[in-house]
Amino acid sequence: MRLSNFINGAFIAPVDGQYLNNFNPSTGEVYGEIPDSTEADVLLAIEAAKSAQLSWANTPAEEKFKVMNRIAELIDANREKLAMAESMDQGKPLWLARNEMNRAAQNFRFFATAAMQFSSESHAMEDKAINYTLRQPIGVVGCISPWNLPLYLFTWKIAPAIAAGNTVVAKPSEFTPVTAFMLCELCNEAGLPAGVLNVVHGLGQKAGQAIVESKFTKAISFTGGTATGKHLAATAAPMFKKLSLELGGKNPNIIFADADLNKAIKTTVNSSFMNQGEICLCGSRVFVQRAVYQEVKDRLVAEVNQLTIGNPLDENMRIGAIVSKPHYEKVLGYIELAKEEGATILTGGKAVHPSGLENGWYIAPTILEGLPFDCRCNMEEIFGPVITIMPFDTEEEVLEMANATEYGLAATVWTSNLNTAHRVANKIQMGIVWINCWLLRDLRTPFGGTKSSGVGREGGWEAMKFFTEPKNVCIAF
């Protein structure tokens, strides 16, 4: 399978004719090629986006709604084909990929309706004047998405950008390009005008950097690692571009003694190891109040030992393959570091080689105990199926440990005490706090983190506001 770039509504080869290998994580084998795009390809995409922007901005909201809603319907209609491609490309279990295709469709459907409802604001000044605020498209925007939830997060950026009247130059991760390519086919089928969405494949340091550096991209929405986010910000900030950065996480999962332990333990297995732990919202540090620590630890280990690991296309598998060989080696490296830091491995801690898939990149779900809360394995983002478990005595103590990292994306708190829930939610330094649940998402709510977990918020009106410029008009009476 050789993919093409999608520019001005057409699928075209990279200008330099160079391609990158695309690997199947479950086998470790090359199964396709993607364009190794350069600045020349990005410039073509930007020109197409510039040419289409004014016409798209002036397209009535109802027409935008119709086109975007058709895209959502086509994602639904092609759910199985998209899910199969996502599973093969990313290594995630097929059943999980199906769920993510639902969310990809929801993203387009949700922001299609937002295009119909987005409105200006007015402010009267008694008998002196009236102000109204216009929300106008920025123009050409750059959207760069990660490899862990490929189509899910790709659409999470593109849908609000085009709903607000912008045109887009997007780059999916080079590790997981296939569903972005397939989405372009669906956009043509849905009647999205040429140039509104342009997709350039390739490496971040070449294609991604060219998108960020261009004087014609007026805003950048990026999801990925914190180090890359810092580099991107250093490039874009002096150019005064709008920036939305959704970066890393080292999320605490806090279980108080009065929690519903059955629900807490079941959900913790999911929140720790879903998608091989390759979700920025996964809880990687589990804090358990000492009175129930031994019980929670024993039951958690027993539950994790029941997780099946293997071929992502097998409906019975809960854990699939790690996305790439470099990331596989990084995660295994952190397990070795944990041993050096004094960890006891309660379960996992090793690579797995399923029968027939011995060259695939699989790691057993791993629980580490005995590490200090401020060691590297508790401070740095591993982004794999590896968690630490630690006891605590008081609310104050666990808040100090939970807030100790440079990250501030999400937290999960388990308690039956409403006062405890409110106090901890207020004091924990995270952008998202789930009480007695995890990953329960309402698309209307702001999504994002504090500290090194990012800048800005996505979701709902936050996204529509990010992708527009406010203009105040004052009319004197």
Protein backbone atom coordinates (compact mmCIF):
# COMPACT_ATOMS: atom_id res chain seq x y z
CA MET A 1 0.00 0.00 0.00
CA ARG A 2 1.53 3.31 -1.13
CA LEU A 3 -0.23 6.41 0.20
CA SER A 4 -0.38 9.83 -1.43
CA ASN A 5 -0.67 13.36 -0.17
CA PHE A 6 -4.09 15.00 -0.47
CA ILE A 7 -3.82 18.50 -1.89
CA ASN A 8 -6.56 20.60 -3.47
CA GLY A 9 -8.92 17.62 -3.54
CA ALA A 10 -6.50 15.36 -5.40
CA PHE A 11 -4.17 12.53 -4.36
CA ILE A 12 -0.66 13.34 -5.51
CA ALA A 13 2.83 11.91 -5.06
CA PRO A 14 5.43 13.81 -3.03
CA VAL A 15 7.39 16.39 -5.02
CA ASP A 16 10.74 14.69 -4.34
CA GLY A 17 9.35 11.20 -5.00
CA GLN A 18 10.65 9.92 -1.66
CA TYR A 19 8.74 7.54 0.64
CA LEU A 20 8.96 6.18 4.17
CA ASN A 21 8.23 2.64 5.29
CA ASN A 22 5.02 2.04 7.23
CA PHE A 23 5.18 -0.82 9.74
CA ASN A 24 2.54 -3.17 11.10
CA PRO A 25 3.25 -3.17 14.88
CA SER A 26 1.69 -6.59 15.41
CA THR A 27 4.20 -8.26 13.05
CA GLY A 28 7.08 -5.77 13.00
CA GLU A 29 6.99 -5.91 9.20
CA VAL A 30 6.74 -3.21 6.54
CA TYR A 31 3.33 -3.27 4.90
CA GLY A 32 3.19 0.07 3.11
CA GLU A 33 4.82 3.35 2.18
CA ILE A 34 3.96 6.98 2.89
CA PRO A 35 5.24 10.19 1.32
CA ASP A 36 8.39 11.60 2.86
CA SER A 37 7.12 15.12 2.28
CA THR A 38 9.23 18.26 2.38
CA GLU A 39 8.60 21.98 2.45
CA ALA A 40 7.78 21.84 -1.27
CA ASP A 41 4.76 19.61 -0.59
CA VAL A 42 3.64 21.80 2.31
CA LEU A 43 3.83 24.90 0.11
CA LEU A 44 1.53 23.25 -2.43
CA ALA A 45 -0.93 22.41 0.34
CA ILE A 46 -0.81 25.93 1.74
CA GLU A 47 -1.46 27.45 -1.68
CA ALA A 48 -4.48 25.20 -2.11
CA ALA A 49 -5.76 26.14 1.35
CA LYS A 50 -5.25 29.86 0.67
CA SER A 51 -7.16 29.64 -2.61
CA ALA A 52 -10.10 27.87 -1.01
CA GLN A 53 -10.34 29.82 2.25
CA LEU A 54 -12.43 32.86 1.31
CA SER A 55 -15.00 30.82 -0.55
CA TRP A 56 -15.29 28.34 2.32
CA ALA A 57 -15.52 31.13 4.92
CA ASN A 58 -18.43 32.62 2.97
CA THR A 59 -20.22 29.29 2.57
CA PRO A 60 -23.51 29.44 4.50
CA ALA A 61 -23.43 27.65 7.85
CA GLU A 62 -26.17 25.29 6.72
CA GLU A 63 -24.06 24.14 3.78
CA LYS A 64 -21.06 23.59 6.05
CA PHE A 65 -23.34 21.54 8.30
CA LYS A 66 -24.56 19.38 5.41
CA VAL A 67 -21.07 18.57 4.14
CA MET A 68 -19.64 17.85 7.59
CA ASN A 69 -22.62 15.75 8.56
CA ARG A 70 -22.19 13.71 5.37
CA ILE A 71 -18.57 13.07 6.36
CA ALA A 72 -19.80 11.81 9.73
CA GLU A 73 -22.31 9.51 8.02
CA LEU A 74 -19.61 8.15 5.72
CA ILE A 75 -17.33 7.42 8.67
CA ASP A 76 -20.21 5.50 10.24
CA ALA A 77 -20.88 3.63 7.00
CA ASN A 78 -17.19 2.68 6.66
CA ARG A 79 -16.63 1.99 10.35
CA GLU A 80 -15.45 -1.60 9.98
CA LYS A 81 -13.03 -0.83 7.16
CA LEU A 82 -11.60 2.16 9.03
CA ALA A 83 -11.31 0.19 12.27
CA MET A 84 -9.48 -2.64 10.55
CA ALA A 85 -7.01 -0.17 9.03
CA GLU A 86 -6.51 1.59 12.37
CA SER A 87 -5.88 -1.65 14.21
CA MET A 88 -3.29 -2.81 11.67
CA ASP A 89 -1.61 0.59 11.53
CA GLN A 90 -1.47 1.41 15.24
CA GLY A 91 -1.47 -2.00 16.98
CA LYS A 92 -4.62 -1.38 19.03
CA PRO A 93 -7.26 -4.12 19.46
CA LEU A 94 -9.87 -4.11 16.71
CA TRP A 95 -12.78 -3.75 19.16
CA LEU A 96 -11.17 -0.59 20.54
CA ALA A 97 -10.59 0.81 17.05
CA ARG A 98 -14.31 0.39 16.33
CA ASN A 99 -15.14 2.52 19.36
CA GLU A 100 -12.74 5.21 18.20
CA MET A 101 -14.37 5.34 14.77
CA ASN A 102 -17.62 6.20 16.54
CA ARG A 103 -15.89 9.13 18.19
CA ALA A 104 -14.36 10.28 14.89
CA ALA A 105 -17.87 10.46 13.41
CA GLN A 106 -19.15 12.24 16.52
CA ASN A 107 -16.45 14.88 16.19
CA PHE A 108 -17.65 15.84 12.71
CA ARG A 109 -21.31 15.64 13.71
CA PHE A 110 -20.81 17.73 16.84
CA PHE A 111 -18.91 20.54 15.10
CA ALA A 112 -21.26 20.42 12.13
CA THR A 113 -23.98 21.56 14.52
CA ALA A 114 -21.60 24.08 16.07
CA ALA A 115 -21.22 25.72 12.65
CA MET A 116 -24.97 26.33 12.70
CA GLN A 117 -25.04 27.74 16.24
CA PHE A 118 -21.86 29.81 16.57
CA SER A 119 -22.90 33.44 16.99
CA SER A 120 -21.67 36.93 17.77
CA GLU A 121 -22.07 38.68 21.12
CA SER A 122 -23.44 42.16 21.84
CA HIS A 123 -22.91 44.53 24.76
CA ALA A 124 -25.05 47.62 25.21
CA MET A 125 -23.56 50.76 26.82
CA GLU A 126 -26.74 52.28 28.23
CA ASP A 127 -27.73 55.12 25.87
CA LYS A 128 -24.23 55.68 24.48
CA ALA A 129 -23.42 52.83 22.10
CA ILE A 130 -23.69 49.16 21.33
CA ASN A 131 -20.78 46.79 20.85
CA TYR A 132 -20.91 43.55 18.96
CA THR A 133 -18.17 40.97 18.62
CA LEU A 134 -17.64 39.16 15.35
CA ARG A 135 -15.94 35.74 15.36
CA GLN A 136 -14.15 35.46 12.04
CA PRO A 137 -12.09 32.59 10.59
CA ILE A 138 -8.35 32.85 11.08
CA GLY A 139 -7.55 31.67 7.54
CA VAL A 140 -5.18 28.79 6.91
CA VAL A 141 -4.46 26.70 10.01
CA GLY A 142 -2.07 23.84 10.69
CA CYS A 143 -3.23 20.71 12.49
CA ILE A 144 -0.67 18.11 13.61
CA SER A 145 -2.00 14.97 15.27
CA PRO A 146 -0.42 12.02 17.13
CA TRP A 147 -0.22 8.26 16.62
CA ASN A 148 -2.05 6.93 19.67
CA LEU A 149 -5.67 7.70 18.67
CA PRO A 150 -5.05 8.51 15.01
CA LEU A 151 -8.41 9.27 13.37
CA TYR A 152 -10.11 10.16 16.66
CA LEU A 153 -7.67 13.02 17.35
CA PHE A 154 -7.20 13.96 13.68
CA THR A 155 -10.91 14.71 13.38
CA TRP A 156 -10.94 16.39 16.81
CA LYS A 157 -8.78 19.14 15.26
CA ILE A 158 -9.99 19.27 11.69
CA ALA A 159 -13.73 19.38 12.39
CA PRO A 160 -13.79 22.59 14.49
CA ALA A 161 -11.24 24.24 12.22
CA ILE A 162 -13.37 23.86 9.10
CA ALA A 163 -16.64 24.43 11.00
CA ALA A 164 -15.29 27.87 11.93
CA GLY A 165 -14.60 28.66 8.26
CA ASN A 166 -10.87 27.97 8.07
CA THR A 167 -8.99 25.80 5.61
CA VAL A 168 -6.55 23.23 6.93
CA VAL A 169 -3.10 21.89 6.20
CA ALA A 170 -2.79 18.77 8.35
CA LYS A 171 -0.10 16.22 9.10
CA PRO A 172 -0.98 12.91 10.74
CA SER A 173 1.72 10.92 12.51
CA GLU A 174 4.09 9.11 10.18
CA PHE A 175 3.54 5.99 12.32
CA THR A 176 -0.25 5.88 11.72
CA PRO A 177 -1.13 7.54 8.41
CA VAL A 178 -3.69 5.19 6.84
CA THR A 179 -7.01 6.36 8.30
CA ALA A 180 -6.14 10.00 7.59
CA PHE A 181 -5.64 8.98 3.96
CA MET A 182 -8.97 7.15 3.98
CA LEU A 183 -10.71 10.18 5.52
CA CYS A 184 -9.60 12.27 2.54
CA GLU A 185 -11.40 9.82 0.24
CA LEU A 186 -14.55 10.22 2.33
CA CYS A 187 -14.25 14.03 2.25
CA ASN A 188 -14.26 13.97 -1.54
CA GLU A 189 -17.25 11.64 -1.53
CA ALA A 190 -19.07 13.96 0.87
CA GLY A 191 -18.48 16.97 -1.38
CA LEU A 192 -16.03 18.93 0.77
CA PRO A 193 -14.70 21.61 -1.60
CA ALA A 194 -11.16 21.15 -2.89
CA GLY A 195 -8.53 22.85 -0.76
CA VAL A 196 -10.55 23.01 2.46
CA LEU A 197 -8.67 20.02 3.84
CA ASN A 198 -5.14 19.24 2.70
CA VAL A 199 -3.14 16.37 4.20
CA VAL A 200 0.64 16.10 3.91
CA HIS A 201 2.31 12.93 5.18
CA GLY A 202 5.86 12.66 6.48
CA LEU A 203 8.20 13.43 9.34
CA GLY A 204 7.63 16.07 11.96
CA GLN A 205 11.07 17.61 11.54
CA LYS A 206 10.46 18.16 7.82
CA ALA A 207 6.76 18.35 6.90
CA GLY A 208 5.57 19.33 10.37
CA GLN A 209 8.24 21.97 10.78
CA ALA A 210 7.36 23.48 7.40
CA ILE A 211 3.71 23.79 8.44
CA VAL A 212 4.67 25.56 11.66
CA GLU A 213 7.27 27.83 10.04
CA SER A 214 5.07 29.06 7.19
CA LYS A 215 3.98 32.67 7.50
CA PHE A 216 0.66 31.66 5.96
CA THR A 217 -0.47 29.29 8.73
CA LYS A 218 -1.99 31.62 11.30
CA ALA A 219 -2.72 29.06 14.00
CA ILE A 220 -1.27 25.70 14.98
CA SER A 221 -3.10 22.94 16.83
CA PHE A 222 -0.74 20.20 17.97
CA THR A 223 -1.14 17.05 20.05
CA GLY A 224 1.99 15.11 20.96
CA GLY A 225 4.99 14.97 23.27
CA THR A 226 6.02 17.81 25.55
CA ALA A 227 9.54 18.10 24.10
CA THR A 228 8.12 18.49 20.59
CA GLY A 229 5.59 20.99 21.91
CA LYS A 230 8.39 23.13 23.38
CA HIS A 231 10.22 23.14 20.05
CA LEU A 232 7.04 23.98 18.17
CA ALA A 233 6.22 26.83 20.56
CA ALA A 234 9.72 28.24 20.19
CA THR A 235 9.18 28.37 16.43
CA ALA A 236 5.62 29.69 16.40
CA ALA A 237 5.59 32.14 19.32
CA PRO A 238 7.94 34.73 17.75
CA MET A 239 5.63 34.68 14.71
CA PHE A 240 2.66 35.49 16.99
CA LYS A 241 0.65 32.48 15.87
CA LYS A 242 -2.24 31.18 17.92
CA LEU A 243 -1.18 27.95 19.61
CA SER A 244 -3.12 25.04 21.04
CA LEU A 245 -0.80 22.42 22.53
CA GLU A 246 -2.10 19.18 24.05
CA LEU A 247 1.02 17.53 25.41
CA GLY A 248 2.08 14.84 27.87
CA GLY A 249 0.61 13.53 31.09
CA LYS A 250 1.65 11.63 34.19
CA ASN A 251 -1.82 11.21 35.58
CA PRO A 252 -2.60 10.26 39.20
CA ASN A 253 -5.32 7.76 40.05
CA ILE A 254 -6.25 8.27 43.72
CA ILE A 255 -8.22 5.58 45.57
CA PHE A 256 -9.48 6.50 49.04
CA ALA A 257 -10.42 3.82 51.57
CA ASP A 258 -14.13 4.69 51.38
CA ALA A 259 -14.30 4.16 47.60
CA ASP A 260 -16.38 1.55 45.82
CA LEU A 261 -13.40 -0.75 45.40
CA ASN A 262 -15.06 -3.07 42.89
CA LYS A 263 -15.68 -0.20 40.50
CA ALA A 264 -12.37 1.49 41.28
CA ILE A 265 -10.31 -1.63 40.56
CA LYS A 266 -12.20 -2.55 37.39
CA THR A 267 -11.90 0.97 36.02
CA THR A 268 -8.25 1.26 37.06
CA VAL A 269 -7.39 -1.72 34.86
CA ASN A 270 -8.94 0.13 31.91
CA SER A 271 -7.54 3.54 32.80
CA SER A 272 -4.04 2.09 33.17
CA PHE A 273 -3.80 -0.28 30.22
CA MET A 274 -6.38 0.64 27.57
CA ASN A 275 -4.70 1.07 24.18
CA GLN A 276 -1.52 -0.43 25.72
CA GLY A 277 -1.35 2.58 28.03
CA GLU A 278 -0.79 4.79 24.98
CA ILE A 279 -3.43 7.39 25.88
CA CYS A 280 -2.44 10.75 27.31
CA LEU A 281 -5.27 10.36 29.86
CA CYS A 282 -4.19 6.97 31.22
CA GLY A 283 -3.61 6.83 34.96
CA SER A 284 0.04 5.87 35.34
CA ARG A 285 0.48 6.58 39.07
CA VAL A 286 -1.94 4.72 41.34
CA PHE A 287 -2.17 6.05 44.90
CA VAL A 288 -4.10 3.89 47.37
CA GLN A 289 -5.00 4.79 50.95
CA ARG A 290 -3.08 2.52 53.31
CA ALA A 291 -6.13 0.91 54.97
CA VAL A 292 -7.09 -0.77 51.67
CA TYR A 293 -3.69 -0.81 49.98
CA GLN A 294 -2.99 -4.53 50.28
CA GLU A 295 -6.48 -5.49 49.09
CA VAL A 296 -6.39 -3.15 46.11
CA LYS A 297 -2.87 -4.24 45.17
CA ASP A 298 -3.70 -7.96 45.29
CA ARG A 299 -6.93 -7.59 43.36
CA LEU A 300 -5.39 -5.27 40.78
CA VAL A 301 -2.54 -7.70 40.10
CA ALA A 302 -5.03 -10.57 39.79
CA GLU A 303 -7.16 -8.60 37.30
CA VAL A 304 -4.16 -7.55 35.22
CA ASN A 305 -2.90 -11.12 35.08
CA GLN A 306 -6.14 -12.02 33.29
CA LEU A 307 -5.56 -9.55 30.44
CA THR A 308 -4.96 -11.26 27.12
CA ILE A 309 -2.08 -10.04 24.93
CA GLY A 310 -1.70 -10.75 21.23
CA ASN A 311 -2.99 -10.24 17.70
CA PRO A 312 -5.00 -6.98 17.67
CA LEU A 313 -7.41 -8.47 15.11
CA ASP A 314 -8.39 -11.23 17.56
CA GLU A 315 -11.60 -10.11 19.26
CA ASN A 316 -10.52 -11.83 22.49
CA MET A 317 -7.39 -9.73 22.96
CA ARG A 318 -7.43 -6.87 25.44
CA ILE A 319 -3.84 -5.71 24.87
CA GLY A 320 -2.36 -5.19 21.41
CA ALA A 321 1.04 -4.14 20.11
CA ILE A 322 3.15 -1.07 20.89
CA VAL A 323 2.98 1.40 18.00
CA SER A 324 6.63 1.34 16.86
CA LYS A 325 9.95 -0.29 17.56
CA PRO A 326 11.54 2.91 18.96
CA HIS A 327 8.64 3.36 21.36
CA TYR A 328 8.72 -0.33 22.30
CA GLU A 329 12.39 0.01 23.18
CA LYS A 330 11.72 3.23 25.13
CA VAL A 331 9.06 1.56 27.30
CA LEU A 332 11.29 -1.46 27.98
CA GLY A 333 14.06 0.97 28.87
CA TYR A 334 11.87 2.55 31.54
CA ILE A 335 11.18 -0.87 33.03
CA GLU A 336 14.94 -1.41 33.32
CA LEU A 337 15.28 2.04 34.87
CA ALA A 338 12.58 1.15 37.41
CA LYS A 339 14.59 -1.87 38.48
CA GLU A 340 17.64 0.35 38.98
CA GLU A 341 15.51 2.73 41.04
CA GLY A 342 14.51 -0.12 43.33
CA ALA A 343 11.14 -1.22 41.98
CA THR A 344 9.52 -4.55 42.69
CA ILE A 345 7.73 -5.88 39.61
CA LEU A 346 4.37 -7.20 40.79
CA THR A 347 3.41 -8.42 37.31
CA GLY A 348 4.64 -8.02 33.74
CA GLY A 349 7.92 -6.22 33.25
CA LYS A 350 8.90 -7.99 30.06
CA ALA A 351 8.37 -8.26 26.32
CA VAL A 352 5.84 -10.79 25.03
CA HIS A 353 6.18 -12.84 21.84
CA PRO A 354 2.78 -14.26 20.82
CA SER A 355 2.80 -17.39 18.69
CA GLY A 356 3.05 -16.47 15.02
CA LEU A 357 3.79 -12.82 15.87
CA GLU A 358 7.20 -13.23 17.46
CA ASN A 359 8.60 -10.16 15.71
CA GLY A 360 5.75 -7.89 16.83
CA TRP A 361 6.19 -5.26 19.55
CA TYR A 362 4.31 -6.50 22.60
CA ILE A 363 4.88 -5.69 26.28
CA ALA A 364 3.10 -7.32 29.21
CA PRO A 365 1.00 -4.98 31.39
CA THR A 366 3.35 -4.01 34.19
CA ILE A 367 2.75 -2.94 37.80
CA LEU A 368 5.69 -1.51 39.77
CA GLU A 369 5.84 -1.16 43.54
CA GLY A 370 8.31 0.28 46.01
CA LEU A 371 9.39 3.39 44.11
CA PRO A 372 9.64 6.83 45.74
CA PHE A 373 7.02 9.25 44.47
CA ASP A 374 9.67 11.59 43.05
CA CYS A 375 11.85 9.10 41.15
CA ARG A 376 12.20 9.33 37.37
CA CYS A 377 9.69 6.56 36.68
CA ASN A 378 7.12 8.54 38.67
CA MET A 379 8.03 11.90 37.18
CA GLU A 380 8.54 11.13 33.47
CA GLU A 381 5.92 10.09 30.94
CA ILE A 382 6.41 6.44 29.92
CA PHE A 383 3.30 6.26 27.70
CA GLY A 384 3.01 2.50 27.72
CA PRO A 385 1.51 -0.38 29.73
CA VAL A 386 3.47 0.47 32.87
CA ILE A 387 2.06 1.85 36.14
CA THR A 388 3.33 2.39 39.66
CA ILE A 389 1.32 1.76 42.83
CA MET A 390 1.98 3.62 46.09
CA PRO A 391 0.29 3.86 49.51
CA PHE A 392 -0.74 7.10 51.21
CA ASP A 393 -2.21 8.02 54.59
CA THR A 394 -3.76 11.48 54.35
CA GLU A 395 -5.41 13.69 51.79
CA GLU A 396 -2.66 16.28 52.16
CA GLU A 397 0.03 13.67 51.55
CA VAL A 398 -1.50 12.31 48.35
CA LEU A 399 -2.09 15.80 46.97
CA GLU A 400 1.58 16.63 47.50
CA MET A 401 2.64 13.47 45.64
CA ALA A 402 0.05 13.82 42.89
CA ASN A 403 1.02 17.44 42.19
CA ALA A 404 4.77 16.76 42.24
CA THR A 405 5.26 16.22 38.49
CA GLU A 406 5.73 18.82 35.77
CA TYR A 407 2.54 17.52 34.14
CA GLY A 408 -1.03 18.52 34.88
CA LEU A 409 -3.38 16.85 32.43
CA ALA A 410 -5.91 14.59 34.21
CA ALA A 411 -6.66 12.88 37.50
CA THR A 412 -9.10 10.25 38.70
CA VAL A 413 -10.39 10.32 42.27
CA TRP A 414 -12.25 7.46 43.94
CA THR A 415 -14.24 8.26 47.10
CA SER A 416 -17.78 8.06 48.45
CA ASN A 417 -17.30 11.29 50.43
CA LEU A 418 -18.60 14.31 48.56
CA ASN A 419 -16.51 16.72 50.64
CA THR A 420 -13.32 14.79 49.86
CA ALA A 421 -14.20 14.74 46.16
CA HIS A 422 -14.71 18.51 46.00
CA ARG A 423 -11.62 19.35 48.08
CA VAL A 424 -9.30 17.14 46.03
CA ALA A 425 -10.76 18.32 42.71
CA ASN A 426 -10.17 21.90 43.81
CA LYS A 427 -6.59 21.41 44.98
CA ILE A 428 -5.21 18.98 42.42
CA GLN A 429 -3.26 20.69 39.64
CA MET A 430 -4.89 19.11 36.61
CA GLY A 431 -6.99 20.34 33.71
CA ILE A 432 -9.44 17.43 33.99
CA VAL A 433 -10.64 15.62 37.11
CA TRP A 434 -12.84 12.53 36.99
CA ILE A 435 -14.65 11.56 40.20
CA ASN A 436 -15.54 7.85 40.43
CA CYS A 437 -15.14 7.41 36.65
CA TRP A 438 -12.59 7.72 33.87
CA LEU A 439 -12.72 8.97 30.28
CA LEU A 440 -16.37 9.98 30.57
CA ARG A 441 -16.27 12.74 27.97
CA ASP A 442 -18.80 15.39 27.04
CA LEU A 443 -17.71 17.07 23.81
CA ARG A 444 -19.01 20.43 25.08
CA THR A 445 -16.49 20.61 27.92
CA PRO A 446 -12.98 22.15 27.75
CA PHE A 447 -10.20 19.61 27.27
CA GLY A 448 -6.55 20.24 28.10
CA GLY A 449 -3.95 20.43 30.83
CA THR A 450 -1.87 22.71 33.00
CA LYS A 451 1.89 23.09 33.46
CA SER A 452 3.86 21.04 30.88
CA SER A 453 0.72 19.27 29.72
CA GLY A 454 -0.11 22.04 27.34
CA VAL A 455 -1.48 25.44 26.43
CA GLY A 456 -5.10 26.23 25.65
CA ARG A 457 -8.19 24.05 25.56
CA GLU A 458 -9.99 22.00 22.93
CA GLY A 459 -13.62 20.96 22.79
CA GLY A 460 -16.96 22.75 22.49
CA TRP A 461 -16.94 26.51 22.15
CA GLU A 462 -13.31 26.54 23.33
CA ALA A 463 -12.29 24.96 20.01
CA MET A 464 -14.52 27.24 17.95
CA LYS A 465 -13.11 30.28 19.72
CA PHE A 466 -9.53 29.09 19.19
CA PHE A 467 -10.09 28.75 15.45
CA THR A 468 -11.55 32.26 15.12
CA GLU A 469 -10.39 35.81 15.74
CA PRO A 470 -12.71 38.08 17.76
CA LYS A 471 -13.36 41.55 16.35
CA ASN A 472 -15.19 44.14 18.40
CA VAL A 473 -17.36 46.71 16.58
CA CYS A 474 -18.61 49.72 18.54
CA ILE A 475 -21.44 51.86 17.17
CA ALA A 476 -22.23 55.13 18.93
CA PHE A 477 -25.87 56.14 19.19
